[in-house]
Amino acid sequence: MNSKTWYANFTKKFAKLTGKSLTFVLSILLIVVWLISGPFFNFSDTWQLVINTSTTIITFIMVFLIQNTQNRDTEAIQVKLDELIRATKGAHNALLDLEELEEDQIDLFREKYETLATKAREQLTRGEEDTDIPS
């Protein structure tokens, strides 16, 4: 098993685990236990450092986990949208893989579709149909 597959499998399983309600309840319970233990440690600097360090480490790891999950989900959605565009009669195939273009190129497409949306809304206010095959 290569490292890319190992990492992908690990992040999927870890994201699923951390997204469960039981994990949330356990994290709240851990904080409550830490709070209750305060008087036993005289609310010392070490007592505070334990929770600060723990939450910092968990947050640091979760940032990478969330980013990995978000990247994977976004890529899957883009592929699905590309397939819908490809399979739809009259759709512009130039929109396939649009996310790979430079920002100024994307802006040109967005402006074109904003114009189409404005025209469609005007048609609706006149009581006309707003559906057609895009040009």
Protein backbone atom coordinates (compact mmCIF):
# COMPACT_ATOMS: atom_id res chain seq x y z
CA MET A 1 0.00 0.00 0.00
CA ASN A 2 1.56 3.32 -1.00
CA SER A 3 1.66 6.35 1.30
CA LYS A 4 -0.92 8.31 -0.72
CA THR A 5 -3.47 5.52 -0.35
CA TRP A 6 -2.61 5.11 3.33
CA TYR A 7 -3.05 8.83 3.97
CA ALA A 8 -6.34 9.00 2.05
CA ASN A 9 -7.74 6.01 3.94
CA PHE A 10 -6.54 7.38 7.26
CA THR A 11 -8.08 10.83 6.70
CA LYS A 12 -11.40 9.34 5.56
CA LYS A 13 -11.67 7.14 8.65
CA PHE A 14 -10.43 9.86 11.00
CA ALA A 15 -12.82 12.45 9.55
CA LYS A 16 -15.71 10.03 9.94
CA LEU A 17 -14.71 9.33 13.55
CA THR A 18 -14.27 12.99 14.50
CA GLY A 19 -17.58 13.91 12.90
CA LYS A 20 -19.61 11.63 15.15
CA SER A 21 -21.71 13.06 17.95
CA LEU A 22 -20.03 10.73 20.45
CA THR A 23 -16.66 12.35 19.68
CA PHE A 24 -18.16 15.77 20.39
CA VAL A 25 -19.65 14.55 23.68
CA LEU A 26 -16.30 13.02 24.68
CA SER A 27 -14.48 16.28 23.94
CA ILE A 28 -16.96 18.22 26.09
CA LEU A 29 -16.57 15.60 28.84
CA LEU A 30 -12.79 15.99 28.67
CA ILE A 31 -13.11 19.75 29.16
CA VAL A 32 -15.48 19.25 32.10
CA VAL A 33 -13.01 16.83 33.71
CA TRP A 34 -10.24 19.37 33.17
CA LEU A 35 -12.36 22.12 34.77
CA ILE A 36 -13.25 19.94 37.76
CA SER A 37 -9.58 19.06 38.25
CA GLY A 38 -8.65 22.73 38.56
CA PRO A 39 -9.03 22.98 42.34
CA PHE A 40 -6.92 19.82 42.83
CA PHE A 41 -4.05 21.49 40.98
CA ASN A 42 -4.68 24.94 42.50
CA PHE A 43 -5.47 26.24 39.00
CA SER A 44 -1.73 26.22 38.36
CA ASP A 45 0.06 27.30 35.21
CA THR A 46 0.72 23.64 34.41
CA TRP A 47 -3.00 22.88 34.73
CA GLN A 48 -3.75 25.64 32.22
CA LEU A 49 -0.88 24.59 29.97
CA VAL A 50 -2.30 21.06 29.68
CA ILE A 51 -5.57 22.25 28.09
CA ASN A 52 -3.88 24.94 25.99
CA THR A 53 -1.33 22.54 24.55
CA SER A 54 -3.90 19.79 24.00
CA THR A 55 -6.36 22.02 22.17
CA THR A 56 -3.59 23.59 20.09
CA ILE A 57 -2.32 20.20 18.93
CA ILE A 58 -5.83 18.93 18.18
CA THR A 59 -6.67 22.12 16.27
CA PHE A 60 -3.44 21.92 14.28
CA ILE A 61 -4.15 18.33 13.24
CA MET A 62 -7.82 19.04 12.49
CA VAL A 63 -6.91 21.88 10.09
CA PHE A 64 -5.07 19.43 7.84
CA LEU A 65 -7.79 16.81 8.18
CA ILE A 66 -10.54 19.27 7.28
CA GLN A 67 -8.53 20.64 4.34
CA ASN A 68 -7.90 17.15 2.99
CA THR A 69 -11.57 16.22 3.29
CA GLN A 70 -12.65 19.51 1.70
CA ASN A 71 -10.23 19.09 -1.21
CA ARG A 72 -11.42 15.54 -1.87
CA ASP A 73 -15.09 16.55 -1.72
CA THR A 74 -14.56 19.57 -3.96
CA GLU A 75 -12.74 17.51 -6.58
CA ALA A 76 -15.51 14.90 -6.58
CA ILE A 77 -18.18 17.60 -6.98
CA GLN A 78 -16.25 19.19 -9.84
CA VAL A 79 -16.01 15.88 -11.68
CA LYS A 80 -19.74 15.30 -11.23
CA LEU A 81 -20.55 18.80 -12.48
CA ASP A 82 -18.24 18.31 -15.45
CA GLU A 83 -20.10 15.11 -16.31
CA LEU A 84 -23.45 16.90 -16.10
CA ILE A 85 -22.19 19.62 -18.43
CA ARG A 86 -20.74 17.05 -20.83
CA ALA A 87 -23.94 15.00 -20.91
CA THR A 88 -26.37 17.92 -21.22
CA LYS A 89 -27.41 18.77 -24.76
CA GLY A 90 -26.77 22.43 -25.48
CA ALA A 91 -24.42 22.91 -22.53
CA HIS A 92 -21.16 24.72 -23.12
CA ASN A 93 -18.31 22.23 -22.96
CA ALA A 94 -15.95 25.18 -22.47
CA LEU A 95 -17.19 25.20 -18.87
CA LEU A 96 -15.65 21.79 -18.25
CA ASP A 97 -12.74 22.00 -15.81
CA LEU A 98 -13.48 25.70 -15.32
CA GLU A 99 -11.86 25.71 -11.88
CA GLU A 100 -8.46 25.23 -13.51
CA LEU A 101 -8.61 28.56 -15.39
CA GLU A 102 -7.06 31.80 -14.21
CA GLU A 103 -9.27 34.17 -12.24
CA ASP A 104 -9.62 36.71 -15.06
CA GLN A 105 -10.78 33.96 -17.43
CA ILE A 106 -13.35 32.77 -14.90
CA ASP A 107 -14.52 36.38 -14.49
CA LEU A 108 -15.28 36.54 -18.22
CA PHE A 109 -17.48 33.46 -17.98
CA ARG A 110 -19.17 34.80 -14.84
CA GLU A 111 -19.95 38.13 -16.54
CA LYS A 112 -21.51 36.30 -19.49
CA TYR A 113 -23.74 34.26 -17.16
CA GLU A 114 -24.65 37.32 -15.10
CA THR A 115 -25.88 38.93 -18.33
CA LEU A 116 -27.90 35.80 -19.15
CA ALA A 117 -29.40 35.83 -15.64
CA THR A 118 -30.39 39.49 -15.97
CA LYS A 119 -32.09 38.82 -19.31
CA ALA A 120 -33.90 35.78 -17.86
CA ARG A 121 -35.21 37.81 -14.93
CA GLU A 122 -36.44 40.50 -17.32
CA GLN A 123 -38.24 37.81 -19.33
CA LEU A 124 -39.90 36.51 -16.16
CA THR A 125 -41.14 39.97 -15.20
CA ARG A 126 -42.71 40.27 -18.67
CA GLY A 127 -44.43 36.89 -18.09
CA GLU A 128 -42.24 35.09 -20.63
CA GLU A 129 -40.39 31.78 -20.28
CA ASP A 130 -36.86 32.07 -18.96
CA THR A 131 -35.64 28.68 -20.22
CA ASP A 132 -33.78 28.10 -23.43
CA ILE A 133 -30.63 26.56 -24.81
CA PRO A 134 -27.72 28.88 -24.04
CA SER A 135 -25.96 30.45 -26.97
